[in-house]
Amino acid sequence: MLYAHAGQEDVLLEEDIDTGIGEPADLIVYNDDHNTFDWVMKSFEEILGHSSTQSEQLALLIHFKGKATVKSAAMAELRPKREALVDRGLSATIEGR
């Protein structure tokens, strides 16, 4: 963290405060035989906010490697995203770091 000096006191700058809640974790999506590339990519764009290029690269990684980390963030941020992906039929888990 960075501190600004105000007189003799150290003041924590607001922009340096970590606003993430919870432990860091990875959202992992696994390959399956029933979801199309288009559906997976659309899901990543709509739920995770990824670009079409990033979504395509992740879908290819999942297809060829069996799984991929699609987002890293605080556990609390990833939970609703995992649920939304699962609701769309994707196989997803969260793993702590």
N, C-alpha and C. Protein backbone atom coordinates (compact mmCIF):
# COMPACT_ATOMS: atom_id res chain seq x y z
N MET A 1 0.83 -1.18 0.00
CA MET A 1 0.00 0.00 0.00
C MET A 1 0.88 1.25 0.00
N LEU A 2 0.39 2.25 -0.61
CA LEU A 2 1.11 3.51 -0.63
C LEU A 2 0.51 4.48 0.37
N TYR A 3 1.37 5.23 0.97
CA TYR A 3 0.91 6.21 1.94
C TYR A 3 1.36 7.59 1.50
N ALA A 4 0.53 8.58 1.73
CA ALA A 4 0.90 9.97 1.50
C ALA A 4 1.21 10.57 2.87
N HIS A 5 2.17 11.43 2.90
CA HIS A 5 2.53 12.03 4.18
C HIS A 5 1.82 13.37 4.33
N ALA A 6 1.02 13.49 5.38
CA ALA A 6 0.31 14.74 5.70
C ALA A 6 0.85 15.21 7.04
N GLY A 7 1.79 16.10 6.97
CA GLY A 7 2.42 16.53 8.21
C GLY A 7 3.24 15.37 8.75
N GLN A 8 2.94 14.95 9.99
CA GLN A 8 3.68 13.83 10.57
C GLN A 8 2.87 12.54 10.55
N GLU A 9 1.68 12.56 9.95
CA GLU A 9 0.85 11.36 9.91
C GLU A 9 0.90 10.73 8.53
N ASP A 10 0.89 9.41 8.48
CA ASP A 10 0.75 8.71 7.21
C ASP A 10 -0.74 8.55 6.94
N VAL A 11 -1.15 8.89 5.73
CA VAL A 11 -2.55 8.81 5.36
C VAL A 11 -2.67 7.82 4.21
N LEU A 12 -3.50 6.82 4.38
CA LEU A 12 -3.72 5.83 3.35
C LEU A 12 -4.54 6.46 2.24
N LEU A 13 -4.03 6.42 1.02
CA LEU A 13 -4.76 6.99 -0.11
C LEU A 13 -5.91 6.08 -0.49
N GLU A 14 -7.08 6.66 -0.74
CA GLU A 14 -8.29 5.89 -1.01
C GLU A 14 -8.12 4.97 -2.20
N GLU A 15 -7.41 5.42 -3.25
CA GLU A 15 -7.28 4.58 -4.44
C GLU A 15 -6.40 3.36 -4.20
N ASP A 16 -5.69 3.32 -3.08
CA ASP A 16 -4.83 2.19 -2.77
C ASP A 16 -5.52 1.14 -1.89
N ILE A 17 -6.73 1.41 -1.48
CA ILE A 17 -7.44 0.46 -0.64
C ILE A 17 -7.98 -0.67 -1.52
N ASP A 18 -7.73 -1.90 -1.12
CA ASP A 18 -8.21 -3.06 -1.87
C ASP A 18 -9.71 -3.21 -1.63
N THR A 19 -10.48 -3.09 -2.71
CA THR A 19 -11.93 -3.18 -2.56
C THR A 19 -12.44 -4.60 -2.78
N GLY A 20 -11.57 -5.55 -3.16
CA GLY A 20 -12.00 -6.93 -3.33
C GLY A 20 -12.33 -7.55 -2.00
N ILE A 21 -13.38 -8.36 -1.98
CA ILE A 21 -13.79 -8.99 -0.74
C ILE A 21 -13.48 -10.47 -0.83
N GLY A 22 -12.80 -11.01 0.16
CA GLY A 22 -12.54 -12.43 0.22
C GLY A 22 -11.19 -12.81 -0.34
N GLU A 23 -10.97 -14.10 -0.31
CA GLU A 23 -9.70 -14.67 -0.75
C GLU A 23 -9.63 -14.74 -2.27
N PRO A 24 -8.44 -14.58 -2.85
CA PRO A 24 -8.31 -14.70 -4.30
C PRO A 24 -8.58 -16.14 -4.74
N ALA A 25 -9.22 -16.28 -5.89
CA ALA A 25 -9.59 -17.60 -6.39
C ALA A 25 -9.65 -17.58 -7.91
N ASP A 26 -9.77 -18.77 -8.49
CA ASP A 26 -9.86 -18.93 -9.94
C ASP A 26 -11.18 -19.60 -10.29
N LEU A 27 -11.83 -19.08 -11.31
CA LEU A 27 -13.04 -19.69 -11.86
C LEU A 27 -12.60 -20.56 -13.03
N ILE A 28 -12.86 -21.84 -12.93
CA ILE A 28 -12.40 -22.82 -13.92
C ILE A 28 -13.60 -23.43 -14.62
N VAL A 29 -13.53 -23.48 -15.96
CA VAL A 29 -14.58 -24.11 -16.76
C VAL A 29 -13.98 -25.35 -17.42
N TYR A 30 -14.76 -26.43 -17.42
CA TYR A 30 -14.33 -27.72 -17.96
C TYR A 30 -14.99 -28.01 -19.29
N ASN A 31 -14.30 -28.80 -20.10
CA ASN A 31 -14.82 -29.21 -21.40
C ASN A 31 -16.00 -30.16 -21.20
N ASP A 32 -16.93 -30.13 -22.15
CA ASP A 32 -18.04 -31.08 -22.15
C ASP A 32 -18.39 -31.40 -23.60
N ASP A 33 -19.33 -32.30 -23.78
CA ASP A 33 -19.71 -32.74 -25.13
C ASP A 33 -21.04 -32.16 -25.60
N HIS A 34 -21.63 -31.24 -24.84
CA HIS A 34 -22.95 -30.77 -25.24
C HIS A 34 -23.06 -29.26 -25.50
N ASN A 35 -22.12 -28.45 -25.04
CA ASN A 35 -22.18 -27.01 -25.30
C ASN A 35 -21.38 -26.65 -26.55
N THR A 36 -21.95 -25.80 -27.39
CA THR A 36 -21.25 -25.37 -28.60
C THR A 36 -20.25 -24.27 -28.28
N PHE A 37 -19.28 -24.10 -29.17
CA PHE A 37 -18.32 -23.02 -29.01
C PHE A 37 -19.04 -21.68 -28.92
N ASP A 38 -20.01 -21.48 -29.80
CA ASP A 38 -20.74 -20.20 -29.81
C ASP A 38 -21.42 -19.93 -28.48
N TRP A 39 -22.04 -20.96 -27.89
CA TRP A 39 -22.73 -20.80 -26.61
C TRP A 39 -21.75 -20.47 -25.49
N VAL A 40 -20.63 -21.18 -25.46
CA VAL A 40 -19.61 -20.95 -24.43
C VAL A 40 -19.06 -19.53 -24.57
N MET A 41 -18.73 -19.14 -25.79
CA MET A 41 -18.19 -17.80 -26.02
C MET A 41 -19.20 -16.72 -25.63
N LYS A 42 -20.46 -16.90 -26.02
CA LYS A 42 -21.49 -15.94 -25.66
C LYS A 42 -21.64 -15.82 -24.14
N SER A 43 -21.57 -16.95 -23.47
CA SER A 43 -21.66 -16.97 -22.00
C SER A 43 -20.51 -16.20 -21.37
N PHE A 44 -19.30 -16.40 -21.88
CA PHE A 44 -18.14 -15.69 -21.34
C PHE A 44 -18.26 -14.19 -21.56
N GLU A 45 -18.77 -13.80 -22.72
CA GLU A 45 -18.92 -12.38 -23.03
C GLU A 45 -19.98 -11.74 -22.12
N GLU A 46 -21.12 -12.40 -21.99
CA GLU A 46 -22.23 -11.82 -21.23
C GLU A 46 -22.03 -11.89 -19.72
N ILE A 47 -21.47 -12.97 -19.23
CA ILE A 47 -21.35 -13.15 -17.78
C ILE A 47 -20.04 -12.61 -17.24
N LEU A 48 -18.96 -12.85 -17.97
CA LEU A 48 -17.64 -12.47 -17.47
C LEU A 48 -17.15 -11.14 -18.04
N GLY A 49 -17.82 -10.64 -19.08
CA GLY A 49 -17.41 -9.38 -19.69
C GLY A 49 -16.18 -9.50 -20.58
N HIS A 50 -15.86 -10.72 -21.03
CA HIS A 50 -14.71 -10.93 -21.90
C HIS A 50 -15.02 -10.47 -23.32
N SER A 51 -13.98 -10.10 -24.05
CA SER A 51 -14.13 -9.77 -25.46
C SER A 51 -14.38 -11.04 -26.25
N SER A 52 -14.82 -10.89 -27.49
CA SER A 52 -15.06 -12.07 -28.33
C SER A 52 -13.75 -12.83 -28.58
N THR A 53 -12.66 -12.11 -28.75
CA THR A 53 -11.36 -12.76 -28.98
C THR A 53 -10.92 -13.55 -27.76
N GLN A 54 -11.04 -12.94 -26.59
CA GLN A 54 -10.65 -13.62 -25.35
C GLN A 54 -11.55 -14.83 -25.13
N SER A 55 -12.84 -14.68 -25.39
CA SER A 55 -13.78 -15.78 -25.20
C SER A 55 -13.45 -16.94 -26.14
N GLU A 56 -13.10 -16.62 -27.38
CA GLU A 56 -12.74 -17.67 -28.33
C GLU A 56 -11.47 -18.40 -27.89
N GLN A 57 -10.47 -17.66 -27.45
CA GLN A 57 -9.22 -18.28 -26.99
C GLN A 57 -9.47 -19.19 -25.80
N LEU A 58 -10.31 -18.76 -24.86
CA LEU A 58 -10.62 -19.58 -23.70
C LEU A 58 -11.39 -20.84 -24.11
N ALA A 59 -12.34 -20.70 -25.03
CA ALA A 59 -13.10 -21.86 -25.50
C ALA A 59 -12.18 -22.89 -26.16
N LEU A 60 -11.20 -22.42 -26.92
CA LEU A 60 -10.24 -23.33 -27.56
C LEU A 60 -9.36 -24.01 -26.51
N LEU A 61 -8.90 -23.25 -25.52
CA LEU A 61 -8.11 -23.86 -24.44
C LEU A 61 -8.90 -24.95 -23.73
N ILE A 62 -10.14 -24.66 -23.42
CA ILE A 62 -10.99 -25.64 -22.73
C ILE A 62 -11.17 -26.88 -23.61
N HIS A 63 -11.41 -26.67 -24.89
CA HIS A 63 -11.61 -27.79 -25.81
C HIS A 63 -10.38 -28.69 -25.89
N PHE A 64 -9.20 -28.09 -26.03
CA PHE A 64 -7.99 -28.88 -26.24
C PHE A 64 -7.31 -29.35 -24.96
N LYS A 65 -7.45 -28.60 -23.87
CA LYS A 65 -6.77 -28.97 -22.62
C LYS A 65 -7.72 -29.57 -21.58
N GLY A 66 -9.03 -29.48 -21.83
CA GLY A 66 -9.99 -30.06 -20.90
C GLY A 66 -10.53 -29.08 -19.86
N LYS A 67 -9.80 -27.99 -19.64
CA LYS A 67 -10.26 -26.97 -18.69
C LYS A 67 -9.41 -25.73 -18.86
N ALA A 68 -9.91 -24.62 -18.33
CA ALA A 68 -9.14 -23.37 -18.33
C ALA A 68 -9.65 -22.46 -17.24
N THR A 69 -8.76 -21.65 -16.69
CA THR A 69 -9.15 -20.60 -15.76
C THR A 69 -9.69 -19.45 -16.60
N VAL A 70 -10.97 -19.12 -16.39
CA VAL A 70 -11.61 -18.09 -17.21
C VAL A 70 -11.67 -16.74 -16.51
N LYS A 71 -11.46 -16.72 -15.20
CA LYS A 71 -11.43 -15.45 -14.47
C LYS A 71 -10.78 -15.69 -13.11
N SER A 72 -9.99 -14.73 -12.67
CA SER A 72 -9.40 -14.74 -11.33
C SER A 72 -9.86 -13.49 -10.61
N ALA A 73 -10.36 -13.67 -9.41
CA ALA A 73 -10.87 -12.54 -8.62
C ALA A 73 -11.10 -13.03 -7.20
N ALA A 74 -11.70 -12.17 -6.40
CA ALA A 74 -12.06 -12.55 -5.04
C ALA A 74 -13.16 -13.62 -5.10
N MET A 75 -13.12 -14.54 -4.19
CA MET A 75 -14.08 -15.64 -4.12
C MET A 75 -15.52 -15.12 -4.17
N ALA A 76 -15.80 -14.04 -3.43
CA ALA A 76 -17.16 -13.50 -3.38
C ALA A 76 -17.62 -12.98 -4.74
N GLU A 77 -16.71 -12.47 -5.54
CA GLU A 77 -17.06 -11.97 -6.88
C GLU A 77 -17.30 -13.13 -7.84
N LEU A 78 -16.57 -14.23 -7.66
CA LEU A 78 -16.67 -15.35 -8.58
C LEU A 78 -17.92 -16.22 -8.36
N ARG A 79 -18.41 -16.29 -7.14
CA ARG A 79 -19.55 -17.17 -6.85
C ARG A 79 -20.76 -16.93 -7.76
N PRO A 80 -21.26 -15.69 -7.88
CA PRO A 80 -22.42 -15.50 -8.75
C PRO A 80 -22.11 -15.75 -10.23
N LYS A 81 -20.87 -15.52 -10.64
CA LYS A 81 -20.49 -15.78 -12.02
C LYS A 81 -20.48 -17.29 -12.29
N ARG A 82 -19.98 -18.06 -11.33
CA ARG A 82 -19.99 -19.52 -11.48
C ARG A 82 -21.43 -20.02 -11.58
N GLU A 83 -22.29 -19.52 -10.70
CA GLU A 83 -23.70 -19.94 -10.72
C GLU A 83 -24.35 -19.61 -12.05
N ALA A 84 -24.06 -18.44 -12.60
CA ALA A 84 -24.63 -18.05 -13.89
C ALA A 84 -24.14 -18.96 -15.01
N LEU A 85 -22.86 -19.34 -14.98
CA LEU A 85 -22.33 -20.26 -15.99
C LEU A 85 -22.97 -21.64 -15.86
N VAL A 86 -23.10 -22.12 -14.63
CA VAL A 86 -23.73 -23.42 -14.38
C VAL A 86 -25.19 -23.39 -14.83
N ASP A 87 -25.88 -22.29 -14.58
CA ASP A 87 -27.27 -22.15 -15.02
C ASP A 87 -27.40 -22.26 -16.54
N ARG A 88 -26.33 -21.93 -17.25
CA ARG A 88 -26.32 -22.03 -18.71
C ARG A 88 -25.84 -23.39 -19.19
N GLY A 89 -25.57 -24.29 -18.26
CA GLY A 89 -25.19 -25.65 -18.63
C GLY A 89 -23.70 -25.91 -18.70
N LEU A 90 -22.88 -24.93 -18.31
CA LEU A 90 -21.44 -25.14 -18.32
C LEU A 90 -21.00 -25.78 -17.01
N SER A 91 -19.90 -26.51 -17.08
CA SER A 91 -19.34 -27.14 -15.89
C SER A 91 -18.24 -26.21 -15.36
N ALA A 92 -18.48 -25.62 -14.19
CA ALA A 92 -17.55 -24.64 -13.64
C ALA A 92 -17.36 -24.83 -12.15
N THR A 93 -16.14 -24.59 -11.69
CA THR A 93 -15.83 -24.66 -10.27
C THR A 93 -14.98 -23.46 -9.89
N ILE A 94 -14.89 -23.22 -8.60
CA ILE A 94 -14.00 -22.17 -8.07
C ILE A 94 -12.96 -22.86 -7.21
N GLU A 95 -11.69 -22.52 -7.45
CA GLU A 95 -10.60 -23.05 -6.66
C GLU A 95 -9.85 -21.89 -6.00
N GLY A 96 -9.64 -21.99 -4.70
CA GLY A 96 -8.87 -20.98 -4.00
C GLY A 96 -7.41 -21.09 -4.37
N ARG A 97 -6.70 -20.01 -4.18
CA ARG A 97 -5.25 -20.03 -4.51
C ARG A 97 -4.44 -20.41 -3.31
